[in-house]
Amino acid sequence: MRTRQENQPILAKEYFEIEGYRFDGKVNRLRGLSDKSINFDKILNKDKYKDCLQIDDNGVLQIMDNFRKQRNLIHFPGDIVELKYNNGDGLDKIREFINTAIVALTNCWIKEGKYHFSLLEEF
């Protein structure tokens, strides 16, 4: 099945006919599957994956273009107004992340004496 998955998708029904979830003491896992089992390249370039997902060559180009645009917005935000996140303003999400994950945590460390500089201000 793992070899076959290189060229075509394996349906969940087919997988579960052979084996179910395995509990590892923390979470249920599907043996043989990992985050590397299926990747972007397989989905866009293997005909049987495209057939299963009903994606034609134009659809592949559209997916790649959308992916490229989103990646570029993350890495090279030109017009910040273009950045959207779940139908909202991406800038708000970035600001929220900076204020909670960076500013607040750093200020906590400053108060604990781990850093010796002035408290950071929120954006």
PDB file of N, CA and C in Angstrom:
ATOM      1  N   MET A   1       0.830  -1.185   0.000  1.00  0.00           N
ATOM      2  CA  MET A   1       0.000   0.000   0.000  1.00  0.00           C
ATOM      3  C   MET A   1       0.877   1.252   0.000  1.00  0.00           C
ATOM      4  N   ARG A   2       1.949   1.216   0.771  1.00  0.00           N
ATOM      5  CA  ARG A   2       2.836   2.380   0.835  1.00  0.00           C
ATOM      6  C   ARG A   2       3.436   2.672  -0.543  1.00  0.00           C
ATOM      7  N   THR A   3       3.833   1.613  -1.256  1.00  0.00           N
ATOM      8  CA  THR A   3       4.402   1.782  -2.594  1.00  0.00           C
ATOM      9  C   THR A   3       3.357   2.323  -3.558  1.00  0.00           C
ATOM     10  N   ARG A   4       2.150   1.780  -3.472  1.00  0.00           N
ATOM     11  CA  ARG A   4       1.069   2.235  -4.340  1.00  0.00           C
ATOM     12  C   ARG A   4       0.736   3.702  -4.085  1.00  0.00           C
ATOM     13  N   GLN A   5       0.880   4.138  -2.844  1.00  0.00           N
ATOM     14  CA  GLN A   5       0.553   5.509  -2.477  1.00  0.00           C
ATOM     15  C   GLN A   5       1.505   6.513  -3.140  1.00  0.00           C
ATOM     16  N   GLU A   6       2.650   6.041  -3.615  1.00  0.00           N
ATOM     17  CA  GLU A   6       3.564   6.926  -4.327  1.00  0.00           C
ATOM     18  C   GLU A   6       2.920   7.485  -5.594  1.00  0.00           C
ATOM     19  N   ASN A   7       2.016   6.708  -6.212  1.00  0.00           N
ATOM     20  CA  ASN A   7       1.423   7.118  -7.485  1.00  0.00           C
ATOM     21  C   ASN A   7      -0.074   7.378  -7.446  1.00  0.00           C
ATOM     22  N   GLN A   8      -0.749   6.887  -6.439  1.00  0.00           N
ATOM     23  CA  GLN A   8      -2.195   7.095  -6.375  1.00  0.00           C
ATOM     24  C   GLN A   8      -2.662   7.153  -4.929  1.00  0.00           C
ATOM     25  N   PRO A   9      -3.742   7.864  -4.689  1.00  0.00           N
ATOM     26  CA  PRO A   9      -4.248   7.993  -3.313  1.00  0.00           C
ATOM     27  C   PRO A   9      -4.824   6.677  -2.807  1.00  0.00           C
ATOM     28  N   ILE A  10      -4.700   6.473  -1.516  1.00  0.00           N
ATOM     29  CA  ILE A  10      -5.307   5.334  -0.842  1.00  0.00           C
ATOM     30  C   ILE A  10      -6.514   5.879  -0.081  1.00  0.00           C
ATOM     31  N   LEU A  11      -7.671   5.334  -0.355  1.00  0.00           N
ATOM     32  CA  LEU A  11      -8.882   5.812   0.307  1.00  0.00           C
ATOM     33  C   LEU A  11      -8.909   5.343   1.757  1.00  0.00           C
ATOM     34  N   ALA A  12      -9.474   6.156   2.631  1.00  0.00           N
ATOM     35  CA  ALA A  12      -9.549   5.821   4.054  1.00  0.00           C
ATOM     36  C   ALA A  12     -10.250   4.484   4.257  1.00  0.00           C
ATOM     37  N   LYS A  13     -11.314   4.244   3.514  1.00  0.00           N
ATOM     38  CA  LYS A  13     -12.059   2.985   3.641  1.00  0.00           C
ATOM     39  C   LYS A  13     -11.135   1.791   3.397  1.00  0.00           C
ATOM     40  N   GLU A  14     -10.320   1.895   2.364  1.00  0.00           N
ATOM     41  CA  GLU A  14      -9.398   0.812   2.026  1.00  0.00           C
ATOM     42  C   GLU A  14      -8.356   0.618   3.129  1.00  0.00           C
ATOM     43  N   TYR A  15      -7.846   1.706   3.669  1.00  0.00           N
ATOM     44  CA  TYR A  15      -6.857   1.636   4.744  1.00  0.00           C
ATOM     45  C   TYR A  15      -7.462   0.957   5.977  1.00  0.00           C
ATOM     46  N   PHE A  16      -8.672   1.377   6.349  1.00  0.00           N
ATOM     47  CA  PHE A  16      -9.289   0.841   7.566  1.00  0.00           C
ATOM     48  C   PHE A  16      -9.746  -0.601   7.424  1.00  0.00           C
ATOM     49  N   GLU A  17      -9.877  -1.098   6.197  1.00  0.00           N
ATOM     50  CA  GLU A  17     -10.178  -2.518   6.009  1.00  0.00           C
ATOM     51  C   GLU A  17      -8.985  -3.366   6.417  1.00  0.00           C
ATOM     52  N   ILE A  18      -7.799  -2.788   6.328  1.00  0.00           N
ATOM     53  CA  ILE A  18      -6.581  -3.526   6.674  1.00  0.00           C
ATOM     54  C   ILE A  18      -6.190  -3.298   8.126  1.00  0.00           C
ATOM     55  N   GLU A  19      -6.233  -2.055   8.561  1.00  0.00           N
ATOM     56  CA  GLU A  19      -5.778  -1.726   9.908  1.00  0.00           C
ATOM     57  C   GLU A  19      -6.471  -0.470  10.407  1.00  0.00           C
ATOM     58  N   GLY A  20      -6.660  -0.396  11.705  1.00  0.00           N
ATOM     59  CA  GLY A  20      -7.291   0.771  12.300  1.00  0.00           C
ATOM     60  C   GLY A  20      -6.269   1.657  12.986  1.00  0.00           C
ATOM     61  N   TYR A  21      -6.769   2.523  13.843  1.00  0.00           N
ATOM     62  CA  TYR A  21      -5.896   3.400  14.613  1.00  0.00           C
ATOM     63  C   TYR A  21      -5.105   2.585  15.626  1.00  0.00           C
ATOM     64  N   ARG A  22      -3.948   3.089  15.991  1.00  0.00           N
ATOM     65  CA  ARG A  22      -3.164   2.496  17.076  1.00  0.00           C
ATOM     66  C   ARG A  22      -2.914   3.590  18.101  1.00  0.00           C
ATOM     67  N   PHE A  23      -3.192   3.280  19.359  1.00  0.00           N
ATOM     68  CA  PHE A  23      -2.997   4.253  20.430  1.00  0.00           C
ATOM     69  C   PHE A  23      -1.565   4.130  20.936  1.00  0.00           C
ATOM     70  N   ASP A  24      -0.800   5.219  20.921  1.00  0.00           N
ATOM     71  CA  ASP A  24       0.602   5.174  21.345  1.00  0.00           C
ATOM     72  C   ASP A  24       0.789   5.652  22.786  1.00  0.00           C
ATOM     73  N   GLY A  25      -0.285   5.720  23.539  1.00  0.00           N
ATOM     74  CA  GLY A  25      -0.214   6.198  24.917  1.00  0.00           C
ATOM     75  C   GLY A  25      -0.587   7.663  25.043  1.00  0.00           C
ATOM     76  N   LYS A  26      -0.599   8.365  23.902  1.00  0.00           N
ATOM     77  CA  LYS A  26      -0.945   9.780  23.904  1.00  0.00           C
ATOM     78  C   LYS A  26      -2.061  10.076  22.913  1.00  0.00           C
ATOM     79  N   VAL A  27      -1.890   9.623  21.690  1.00  0.00           N
ATOM     80  CA  VAL A  27      -2.875   9.886  20.642  1.00  0.00           C
ATOM     81  C   VAL A  27      -3.049   8.648  19.763  1.00  0.00           C
ATOM     82  N   ASN A  28      -4.177   8.630  19.030  1.00  0.00           N
ATOM     83  CA  ASN A  28      -4.383   7.588  18.029  1.00  0.00           C
ATOM     84  C   ASN A  28      -3.562   7.924  16.794  1.00  0.00           C
ATOM     85  N   ARG A  29      -2.917   6.917  16.235  1.00  0.00           N
ATOM     86  CA  ARG A  29      -2.095   7.117  15.038  1.00  0.00           C
ATOM     87  C   ARG A  29      -2.490   6.118  13.971  1.00  0.00           C
ATOM     88  N   LEU A  30      -2.258   6.510  12.731  1.00  0.00           N
ATOM     89  CA  LEU A  30      -2.426   5.596  11.608  1.00  0.00           C
ATOM     90  C   LEU A  30      -1.030   5.123  11.228  1.00  0.00           C
ATOM     91  N   ARG A  31      -0.762   3.842  11.468  1.00  0.00           N
ATOM     92  CA  ARG A  31       0.569   3.297  11.202  1.00  0.00           C
ATOM     93  C   ARG A  31       0.896   3.416   9.714  1.00  0.00           C
ATOM     94  N   GLY A  32       2.108   3.827   9.425  1.00  0.00           N
ATOM     95  CA  GLY A  32       2.549   3.950   8.044  1.00  0.00           C
ATOM     96  C   GLY A  32       2.307   5.315   7.438  1.00  0.00           C
ATOM     97  N   LEU A  33       1.522   6.146   8.107  1.00  0.00           N
ATOM     98  CA  LEU A  33       1.260   7.489   7.583  1.00  0.00           C
ATOM     99  C   LEU A  33       2.022   8.513   8.401  1.00  0.00           C
ATOM    100  N   SER A  34       2.587   9.472   7.718  1.00  0.00           N
ATOM    101  CA  SER A  34       3.288  10.558   8.398  1.00  0.00           C
ATOM    102  C   SER A  34       3.061  11.839   7.614  1.00  0.00           C
ATOM    103  N   ASP A  35       3.652  12.919   8.088  1.00  0.00           N
ATOM    104  CA  ASP A  35       3.485  14.176   7.363  1.00  0.00           C
ATOM    105  C   ASP A  35       4.211  14.146   6.023  1.00  0.00           C
ATOM    106  N   LYS A  36       5.024  13.112   5.792  1.00  0.00           N
ATOM    107  CA  LYS A  36       5.729  12.978   4.518  1.00  0.00           C
ATOM    108  C   LYS A  36       5.040  11.990   3.582  1.00  0.00           C
ATOM    109  N   SER A  37       3.951  11.350   4.033  1.00  0.00           N
ATOM    110  CA  SER A  37       3.265  10.364   3.206  1.00  0.00           C
ATOM    111  C   SER A  37       2.733  10.972   1.915  1.00  0.00           C
ATOM    112  N   ILE A  38       2.122  12.110   2.039  1.00  0.00           N
ATOM    113  CA  ILE A  38       1.577  12.809   0.870  1.00  0.00           C
ATOM    114  C   ILE A  38       2.114  14.227   0.922  1.00  0.00           C
ATOM    115  N   ASN A  39       2.619  14.691  -0.206  1.00  0.00           N
ATOM    116  CA  ASN A  39       3.132  16.050  -0.224  1.00  0.00           C
ATOM    117  C   ASN A  39       2.534  16.832  -1.388  1.00  0.00           C
ATOM    118  N   PHE A  40       2.806  18.088  -1.408  1.00  0.00           N
ATOM    119  CA  PHE A  40       2.269  19.010  -2.411  1.00  0.00           C
ATOM    120  C   PHE A  40       2.620  18.541  -3.816  1.00  0.00           C
ATOM    121  N   ASP A  41       3.852  18.087  -4.006  1.00  0.00           N
ATOM    122  CA  ASP A  41       4.316  17.625  -5.308  1.00  0.00           C
ATOM    123  C   ASP A  41       3.477  16.451  -5.814  1.00  0.00           C
ATOM    124  N   LYS A  42       3.220  15.474  -4.954  1.00  0.00           N
ATOM    125  CA  LYS A  42       2.413  14.308  -5.366  1.00  0.00           C
ATOM    126  C   LYS A  42       1.017  14.730  -5.786  1.00  0.00           C
ATOM    127  N   ILE A  43       0.395  15.558  -4.987  1.00  0.00           N
ATOM    128  CA  ILE A  43      -0.981  15.959  -5.258  1.00  0.00           C
ATOM    129  C   ILE A  43      -1.090  16.700  -6.588  1.00  0.00           C
ATOM    130  N   LEU A  44      -0.106  17.507  -6.909  1.00  0.00           N
ATOM    131  CA  LEU A  44      -0.184  18.312  -8.123  1.00  0.00           C
ATOM    132  C   LEU A  44       0.392  17.639  -9.364  1.00  0.00           C
ATOM    133  N   ASN A  45       1.244  16.637  -9.184  1.00  0.00           N
ATOM    134  CA  ASN A  45       1.935  16.077 -10.340  1.00  0.00           C
ATOM    135  C   ASN A  45       1.585  14.633 -10.679  1.00  0.00           C
ATOM    136  N   LYS A  46       0.943  13.912  -9.799  1.00  0.00           N
ATOM    137  CA  LYS A  46       0.573  12.524 -10.082  1.00  0.00           C
ATOM    138  C   LYS A  46      -0.857  12.506 -10.622  1.00  0.00           C
ATOM    139  N   ASP A  47      -1.013  11.932 -11.822  1.00  0.00           N
ATOM    140  CA  ASP A  47      -2.317  11.945 -12.499  1.00  0.00           C
ATOM    141  C   ASP A  47      -3.442  11.353 -11.662  1.00  0.00           C
ATOM    142  N   LYS A  48      -3.185  10.251 -10.971  1.00  0.00           N
ATOM    143  CA  LYS A  48      -4.267   9.612 -10.204  1.00  0.00           C
ATOM    144  C   LYS A  48      -4.688  10.459  -9.009  1.00  0.00           C
ATOM    145  N   TYR A  49      -3.755  11.227  -8.440  1.00  0.00           N
ATOM    146  CA  TYR A  49      -4.126  12.158  -7.371  1.00  0.00           C
ATOM    147  C   TYR A  49      -4.977  13.289  -7.951  1.00  0.00           C
ATOM    148  N   LYS A  50      -4.549  13.816  -9.100  1.00  0.00           N
ATOM    149  CA  LYS A  50      -5.309  14.901  -9.730  1.00  0.00           C
ATOM    150  C   LYS A  50      -6.703  14.418 -10.115  1.00  0.00           C
ATOM    151  N   ASP A  51      -6.807  13.184 -10.637  1.00  0.00           N
ATOM    152  CA  ASP A  51      -8.115  12.634 -11.000  1.00  0.00           C
ATOM    153  C   ASP A  51      -9.009  12.511  -9.774  1.00  0.00           C
ATOM    154  N   CYS A  52      -8.453  11.976  -8.698  1.00  0.00           N
ATOM    155  CA  CYS A  52      -9.235  11.781  -7.471  1.00  0.00           C
ATOM    156  C   CYS A  52      -9.733  13.116  -6.921  1.00  0.00           C
ATOM    157  N   LEU A  53      -8.883  14.127  -6.987  1.00  0.00           N
ATOM    158  CA  LEU A  53      -9.249  15.450  -6.482  1.00  0.00           C
ATOM    159  C   LEU A  53      -9.961  16.302  -7.525  1.00  0.00           C
ATOM    160  N   GLN A  54     -10.112  15.749  -8.727  1.00  0.00           N
ATOM    161  CA  GLN A  54     -10.774  16.425  -9.843  1.00  0.00           C
ATOM    162  C   GLN A  54     -10.109  17.770 -10.158  1.00  0.00           C
ATOM    163  N   ILE A  55      -8.779  17.689 -10.313  1.00  0.00           N
ATOM    164  CA  ILE A  55      -8.003  18.879 -10.648  1.00  0.00           C
ATOM    165  C   ILE A  55      -7.408  18.668 -12.036  1.00  0.00           C
ATOM    166  N   ASP A  56      -7.683  19.599 -12.959  1.00  0.00           N
ATOM    167  CA  ASP A  56      -7.054  19.512 -14.277  1.00  0.00           C
ATOM    168  C   ASP A  56      -5.778  20.363 -14.265  1.00  0.00           C
ATOM    169  N   ASP A  57      -5.083  20.407 -15.402  1.00  0.00           N
ATOM    170  CA  ASP A  57      -3.818  21.150 -15.449  1.00  0.00           C
ATOM    171  C   ASP A  57      -4.000  22.628 -15.135  1.00  0.00           C
ATOM    172  N   ASN A  58      -5.121  23.224 -15.553  1.00  0.00           N
ATOM    173  CA  ASN A  58      -5.377  24.626 -15.212  1.00  0.00           C
ATOM    174  C   ASN A  58      -5.576  24.787 -13.706  1.00  0.00           C
ATOM    175  N   GLY A  59      -6.237  23.791 -13.104  1.00  0.00           N
ATOM    176  CA  GLY A  59      -6.438  23.816 -11.653  1.00  0.00           C
ATOM    177  C   GLY A  59      -5.114  23.729 -10.911  1.00  0.00           C
ATOM    178  N   VAL A  60      -4.200  22.901 -11.434  1.00  0.00           N
ATOM    179  CA  VAL A  60      -2.873  22.776 -10.832  1.00  0.00           C
ATOM    180  C   VAL A  60      -2.163  24.124 -10.884  1.00  0.00           C
ATOM    181  N   LEU A  61      -2.220  24.775 -12.050  1.00  0.00           N
ATOM    182  CA  LEU A  61      -1.569  26.081 -12.176  1.00  0.00           C
ATOM    183  C   LEU A  61      -2.186  27.103 -11.233  1.00  0.00           C
ATOM    184  N   GLN A  62      -3.501  27.044 -11.067  1.00  0.00           N
ATOM    185  CA  GLN A  62      -4.177  27.975 -10.159  1.00  0.00           C
ATOM    186  C   GLN A  62      -3.761  27.709  -8.708  1.00  0.00           C
ATOM    187  N   ILE A  63      -3.700  26.446  -8.312  1.00  0.00           N
ATOM    188  CA  ILE A  63      -3.275  26.094  -6.951  1.00  0.00           C
ATOM    189  C   ILE A  63      -1.842  26.571  -6.719  1.00  0.00           C
ATOM    190  N   MET A  64      -0.970  26.309  -7.691  1.00  0.00           N
ATOM    191  CA  MET A  64       0.427  26.731  -7.556  1.00  0.00           C
ATOM    192  C   MET A  64       0.534  28.247  -7.472  1.00  0.00           C
ATOM    193  N   ASP A  65      -0.245  28.944  -8.274  1.00  0.00           N
ATOM    194  CA  ASP A  65      -0.216  30.405  -8.261  1.00  0.00           C
ATOM    195  C   ASP A  65      -0.723  30.947  -6.924  1.00  0.00           C
ATOM    196  N   ASN A  66      -1.823  30.372  -6.420  1.00  0.00           N
ATOM    197  CA  ASN A  66      -2.348  30.794  -5.115  1.00  0.00           C
ATOM    198  C   ASN A  66      -1.334  30.523  -4.009  1.00  0.00           C
ATOM    199  N   PHE A  67      -0.714  29.348  -4.053  1.00  0.00           N
ATOM    200  CA  PHE A  67       0.295  28.981  -3.053  1.00  0.00           C
ATOM    201  C   PHE A  67       1.465  29.965  -3.106  1.00  0.00           C
ATOM    202  N   ARG A  68       1.930  30.272  -4.330  1.00  0.00           N
ATOM    203  CA  ARG A  68       3.046  31.205  -4.514  1.00  0.00           C
ATOM    204  C   ARG A  68       2.694  32.584  -3.954  1.00  0.00           C
ATOM    205  N   LYS A  69       1.481  33.059  -4.255  1.00  0.00           N
ATOM    206  CA  LYS A  69       1.062  34.377  -3.765  1.00  0.00           C
ATOM    207  C   LYS A  69       1.005  34.408  -2.242  1.00  0.00           C
ATOM    208  N   GLN A  70       0.423  33.366  -1.641  1.00  0.00           N
ATOM    209  CA  GLN A  70       0.335  33.321  -0.178  1.00  0.00           C
ATOM    210  C   GLN A  70       1.719  33.258   0.452  1.00  0.00           C
ATOM    211  N   ARG A  71       2.596  32.422  -0.125  1.00  0.00           N
ATOM    212  CA  ARG A  71       3.960  32.317   0.389  1.00  0.00           C
ATOM    213  C   ARG A  71       4.664  33.661   0.297  1.00  0.00           C
ATOM    214  N   ASN A  72       4.520  34.326  -0.835  1.00  0.00           N
ATOM    215  CA  ASN A  72       5.176  35.619  -1.022  1.00  0.00           C
ATOM    216  C   ASN A  72       4.629  36.672  -0.072  1.00  0.00           C
ATOM    217  N   LEU A  73       3.343  36.620   0.211  1.00  0.00           N
ATOM    218  CA  LEU A  73       2.771  37.579   1.161  1.00  0.00           C
ATOM    219  C   LEU A  73       3.349  37.379   2.554  1.00  0.00           C
ATOM    220  N   ILE A  74       3.628  36.126   2.892  1.00  0.00           N
ATOM    221  CA  ILE A  74       4.204  35.846   4.208  1.00  0.00           C
ATOM    222  C   ILE A  74       5.657  36.307   4.254  1.00  0.00           C
ATOM    223  N   HIS A  75       6.422  35.962   3.209  1.00  0.00           N
ATOM    224  CA  HIS A  75       7.847  36.263   3.212  1.00  0.00           C
ATOM    225  C   HIS A  75       8.187  37.663   2.729  1.00  0.00           C
ATOM    226  N   PHE A  76       7.416  38.169   1.771  1.00  0.00           N
ATOM    227  CA  PHE A  76       7.710  39.474   1.190  1.00  0.00           C
ATOM    228  C   PHE A  76       6.456  40.329   1.110  1.00  0.00           C
ATOM    229  N   PRO A  77       5.879  40.717   2.242  1.00  0.00           N
ATOM    230  CA  PRO A  77       4.648  41.503   2.154  1.00  0.00           C
ATOM    231  C   PRO A  77       4.928  42.880   1.559  1.00  0.00           C
ATOM    232  N   GLY A  78       4.413  43.083   0.360  1.00  0.00           N
ATOM    233  CA  GLY A  78       4.613  44.373  -0.297  1.00  0.00           C
ATOM    234  C   GLY A  78       3.556  45.335   0.175  1.00  0.00           C
ATOM    235  N   ASP A  79       2.352  45.129  -0.285  1.00  0.00           N
ATOM    236  CA  ASP A  79       1.241  45.946   0.164  1.00  0.00           C
ATOM    237  C   ASP A  79       0.559  45.200   1.301  1.00  0.00           C
ATOM    238  N   ILE A  80       0.736  45.694   2.497  1.00  0.00           N
ATOM    239  CA  ILE A  80       0.204  44.996   3.669  1.00  0.00           C
ATOM    240  C   ILE A  80      -1.314  44.858   3.595  1.00  0.00           C
ATOM    241  N   VAL A  81      -1.963  45.732   2.813  1.00  0.00           N
ATOM    242  CA  VAL A  81      -3.412  45.659   2.668  1.00  0.00           C
ATOM    243  C   VAL A  81      -3.828  44.356   1.967  1.00  0.00           C
ATOM    244  N   GLU A  82      -2.945  43.787   1.155  1.00  0.00           N
ATOM    245  CA  GLU A  82      -3.269  42.555   0.441  1.00  0.00           C
ATOM    246  C   GLU A  82      -3.323  41.356   1.371  1.00  0.00           C
ATOM    247  N   LEU A  83      -2.638  41.443   2.496  1.00  0.00           N
ATOM    248  CA  LEU A  83      -2.524  40.298   3.394  1.00  0.00           C
ATOM    249  C   LEU A  83      -3.846  40.060   4.111  1.00  0.00           C
ATOM    250  N   LYS A  84      -4.451  38.917   3.850  1.00  0.00           N
ATOM    251  CA  LYS A  84      -5.724  38.577   4.484  1.00  0.00           C
ATOM    252  C   LYS A  84      -5.564  37.273   5.254  1.00  0.00           C
ATOM    253  N   TYR A  85      -6.312  37.139   6.333  1.00  0.00           N
ATOM    254  CA  TYR A  85      -6.268  35.934   7.144  1.00  0.00           C
ATOM    255  C   TYR A  85      -7.693  35.617   7.553  1.00  0.00           C
ATOM    256  N   ASN A  86      -8.220  34.500   7.063  1.00  0.00           N
ATOM    257  CA  ASN A  86      -9.588  34.083   7.394  1.00  0.00           C
ATOM    258  C   ASN A  86     -10.597  35.223   7.244  1.00  0.00           C
ATOM    259  N   ASN A  87     -10.591  35.863   6.101  1.00  0.00           N
ATOM    260  CA  ASN A  87     -11.512  36.960   5.794  1.00  0.00           C
ATOM    261  C   ASN A  87     -11.354  38.154   6.726  1.00  0.00           C
ATOM    262  N   GLY A  88     -10.225  38.261   7.381  1.00  0.00           N
ATOM    263  CA  GLY A  88      -9.992  39.394   8.253  1.00  0.00           C
ATOM    264  C   GLY A  88      -8.691  40.061   7.878  1.00  0.00           C
ATOM    265  N   ASP A  89      -8.254  40.946   8.703  1.00  0.00           N
ATOM    266  CA  ASP A  89      -7.026  41.672   8.426  1.00  0.00           C
ATOM    267  C   ASP A  89      -5.838  40.882   8.956  1.00  0.00           C
ATOM    268  N   GLY A  90      -4.942  40.508   8.064  1.00  0.00           N
ATOM    269  CA  GLY A  90      -3.750  39.762   8.436  1.00  0.00           C
ATOM    270  C   GLY A  90      -2.841  40.559   9.349  1.00  0.00           C
ATOM    271  N   LEU A  91      -2.859  41.866   9.183  1.00  0.00           N
ATOM    272  CA  LEU A  91      -2.036  42.727  10.020  1.00  0.00           C
ATOM    273  C   LEU A  91      -2.426  42.594  11.489  1.00  0.00           C
ATOM    274  N   ASP A  92      -3.721  42.459  11.768  1.00  0.00           N
ATOM    275  CA  ASP A  92      -4.174  42.268  13.150  1.00  0.00           C
ATOM    276  C   ASP A  92      -3.614  40.986  13.738  1.00  0.00           C
ATOM    277  N   LYS A  93      -3.577  39.925  12.928  1.00  0.00           N
ATOM    278  CA  LYS A  93      -3.045  38.641  13.403  1.00  0.00           C
ATOM    279  C   LYS A  93      -1.545  38.743  13.664  1.00  0.00           C
ATOM    280  N   ILE A  94      -0.841  39.445  12.795  1.00  0.00           N
ATOM    281  CA  ILE A  94       0.595  39.625  12.997  1.00  0.00           C
ATOM    282  C   ILE A  94       0.843  40.441  14.260  1.00  0.00           C
ATOM    283  N   ARG A  95       0.080  41.516  14.424  1.00  0.00           N
ATOM    284  CA  ARG A  95       0.209  42.368  15.610  1.00  0.00           C
ATOM    285  C   ARG A  95      -0.105  41.566  16.877  1.00  0.00           C
ATOM    286  N   GLU A  96      -1.155  40.772  16.840  1.00  0.00           N
ATOM    287  CA  GLU A  96      -1.533  39.946  17.990  1.00  0.00           C
ATOM    288  C   GLU A  96      -0.408  38.971  18.344  1.00  0.00           C
ATOM    289  N   PHE A  97       0.177  38.341  17.319  1.00  0.00           N
ATOM    290  CA  PHE A  97       1.278  37.406  17.562  1.00  0.00           C
ATOM    291  C   PHE A  97       2.470  38.119  18.193  1.00  0.00           C
ATOM    292  N   ILE A  98       2.834  39.271  17.648  1.00  0.00           N
ATOM    293  CA  ILE A  98       3.985  40.007  18.179  1.00  0.00           C
ATOM    294  C   ILE A  98       3.727  40.405  19.628  1.00  0.00           C
ATOM    295  N   ASN A  99       2.515  40.898  19.916  1.00  0.00           N
ATOM    296  CA  ASN A  99       2.211  41.366  21.271  1.00  0.00           C
ATOM    297  C   ASN A  99       2.128  40.232  22.284  1.00  0.00           C
ATOM    298  N   THR A 100       1.623  39.073  21.886  1.00  0.00           N
ATOM    299  CA  THR A 100       1.470  37.988  22.859  1.00  0.00           C
ATOM    300  C   THR A 100       2.690  37.061  22.908  1.00  0.00           C
ATOM    301  N   ALA A 101       3.202  36.702  21.751  1.00  0.00           N
ATOM    302  CA  ALA A 101       4.283  35.722  21.731  1.00  0.00           C
ATOM    303  C   ALA A 101       5.659  36.346  21.901  1.00  0.00           C
ATOM    304  N   ILE A 102       5.794  37.598  21.545  1.00  0.00           N
ATOM    305  CA  ILE A 102       7.128  38.207  21.633  1.00  0.00           C
ATOM    306  C   ILE A 102       7.191  39.242  22.754  1.00  0.00           C
ATOM    307  N   VAL A 103       6.343  40.284  22.656  1.00  0.00           N
ATOM    308  CA  VAL A 103       6.405  41.369  23.631  1.00  0.00           C
ATOM    309  C   VAL A 103       6.068  40.880  25.038  1.00  0.00           C
ATOM    310  N   ALA A 104       4.955  40.204  25.203  1.00  0.00           N
ATOM    311  CA  ALA A 104       4.529  39.776  26.540  1.00  0.00           C
ATOM    312  C   ALA A 104       5.527  38.800  27.157  1.00  0.00           C
ATOM    313  N   LEU A 105       5.990  37.853  26.368  1.00  0.00           N
ATOM    314  CA  LEU A 105       6.939  36.862  26.888  1.00  0.00           C
ATOM    315  C   LEU A 105       8.269  37.527  27.254  1.00  0.00           C
ATOM    316  N   THR A 106       8.745  38.409  26.399  1.00  0.00           N
ATOM    317  CA  THR A 106      10.005  39.111  26.689  1.00  0.00           C
ATOM    318  C   THR A 106       9.855  39.971  27.938  1.00  0.00           C
ATOM    319  N   ASN A 107       8.731  40.667  28.068  1.00  0.00           N
ATOM    320  CA  ASN A 107       8.498  41.483  29.271  1.00  0.00           C
ATOM    321  C   ASN A 107       8.453  40.625  30.533  1.00  0.00           C
ATOM    322  N   CYS A 108       7.896  39.461  30.420  1.00  0.00           N
ATOM    323  CA  CYS A 108       7.861  38.524  31.550  1.00  0.00           C
ATOM    324  C   CYS A 108       9.290  38.169  31.963  1.00  0.00           C
ATOM    325  N   TRP A 109      10.131  37.873  30.986  1.00  0.00           N
ATOM    326  CA  TRP A 109      11.527  37.532  31.274  1.00  0.00           C
ATOM    327  C   TRP A 109      12.285  38.723  31.857  1.00  0.00           C
ATOM    328  N   ILE A 110      11.969  39.936  31.365  1.00  0.00           N
ATOM    329  CA  ILE A 110      12.613  41.138  31.898  1.00  0.00           C
ATOM    330  C   ILE A 110      12.248  41.286  33.372  1.00  0.00           C
ATOM    331  N   LYS A 111      10.982  41.096  33.703  1.00  0.00           N
ATOM    332  CA  LYS A 111      10.529  41.210  35.093  1.00  0.00           C
ATOM    333  C   LYS A 111      11.158  40.147  35.980  1.00  0.00           C
ATOM    334  N   GLU A 112      11.444  38.992  35.414  1.00  0.00           N
ATOM    335  CA  GLU A 112      12.093  37.915  36.174  1.00  0.00           C
ATOM    336  C   GLU A 112      13.600  38.131  36.306  1.00  0.00           C
ATOM    337  N   GLY A 113      14.108  39.153  35.625  1.00  0.00           N
ATOM    338  CA  GLY A 113      15.530  39.461  35.715  1.00  0.00           C
ATOM    339  C   GLY A 113      16.397  38.731  34.706  1.00  0.00           C
ATOM    340  N   LYS A 114      15.793  38.066  33.736  1.00  0.00           N
ATOM    341  CA  LYS A 114      16.583  37.344  32.728  1.00  0.00           C
ATOM    342  C   LYS A 114      17.198  38.295  31.710  1.00  0.00           C
ATOM    343  N   TYR A 115      16.560  39.448  31.494  1.00  0.00           N
ATOM    344  CA  TYR A 115      17.084  40.469  30.598  1.00  0.00           C
ATOM    345  C   TYR A 115      17.144  41.776  31.366  1.00  0.00           C
ATOM    346  N   HIS A 116      18.107  42.605  31.025  1.00  0.00           N
ATOM    347  CA  HIS A 116      18.300  43.854  31.754  1.00  0.00           C
ATOM    348  C   HIS A 116      18.165  45.048  30.817  1.00  0.00           C
ATOM    349  N   PHE A 117      16.960  45.219  30.319  1.00  0.00           N
ATOM    350  CA  PHE A 117      16.642  46.406  29.536  1.00  0.00           C
ATOM    351  C   PHE A 117      15.193  46.776  29.779  1.00  0.00           C
ATOM    352  N   SER A 118      14.780  47.918  29.238  1.00  0.00           N
ATOM    353  CA  SER A 118      13.423  48.436  29.492  1.00  0.00           C
ATOM    354  C   SER A 118      12.366  47.497  28.920  1.00  0.00           C
ATOM    355  N   LEU A 119      11.191  47.546  29.559  1.00  0.00           N
ATOM    356  CA  LEU A 119      10.076  46.742  29.058  1.00  0.00           C
ATOM    357  C   LEU A 119       9.703  47.171  27.639  1.00  0.00           C
ATOM    358  N   LEU A 120       9.283  46.218  26.840  1.00  0.00           N
ATOM    359  CA  LEU A 120       8.867  46.502  25.473  1.00  0.00           C
ATOM    360  C   LEU A 120       7.443  47.022  25.468  1.00  0.00           C
ATOM    361  N   GLU A 121       7.150  47.880  24.512  1.00  0.00           N
ATOM    362  CA  GLU A 121       5.797  48.382  24.365  1.00  0.00           C
ATOM    363  C   GLU A 121       5.062  47.546  23.318  1.00  0.00           C
ATOM    364  N   GLU A 122       3.757  47.368  23.531  1.00  0.00           N
ATOM    365  CA  GLU A 122       2.962  46.637  22.548  1.00  0.00           C
ATOM    366  C   GLU A 122       2.779  47.481  21.305  1.00  0.00           C
ATOM    367  N   PHE A 123       2.549  46.802  20.180  1.00  0.00           N
ATOM    368  CA  PHE A 123       2.287  47.491  18.911  1.00  0.00           C
ATOM    369  C   PHE A 123       0.815  47.819  18.805  1.00  0.00           C
TER     370      PHE A 123
END
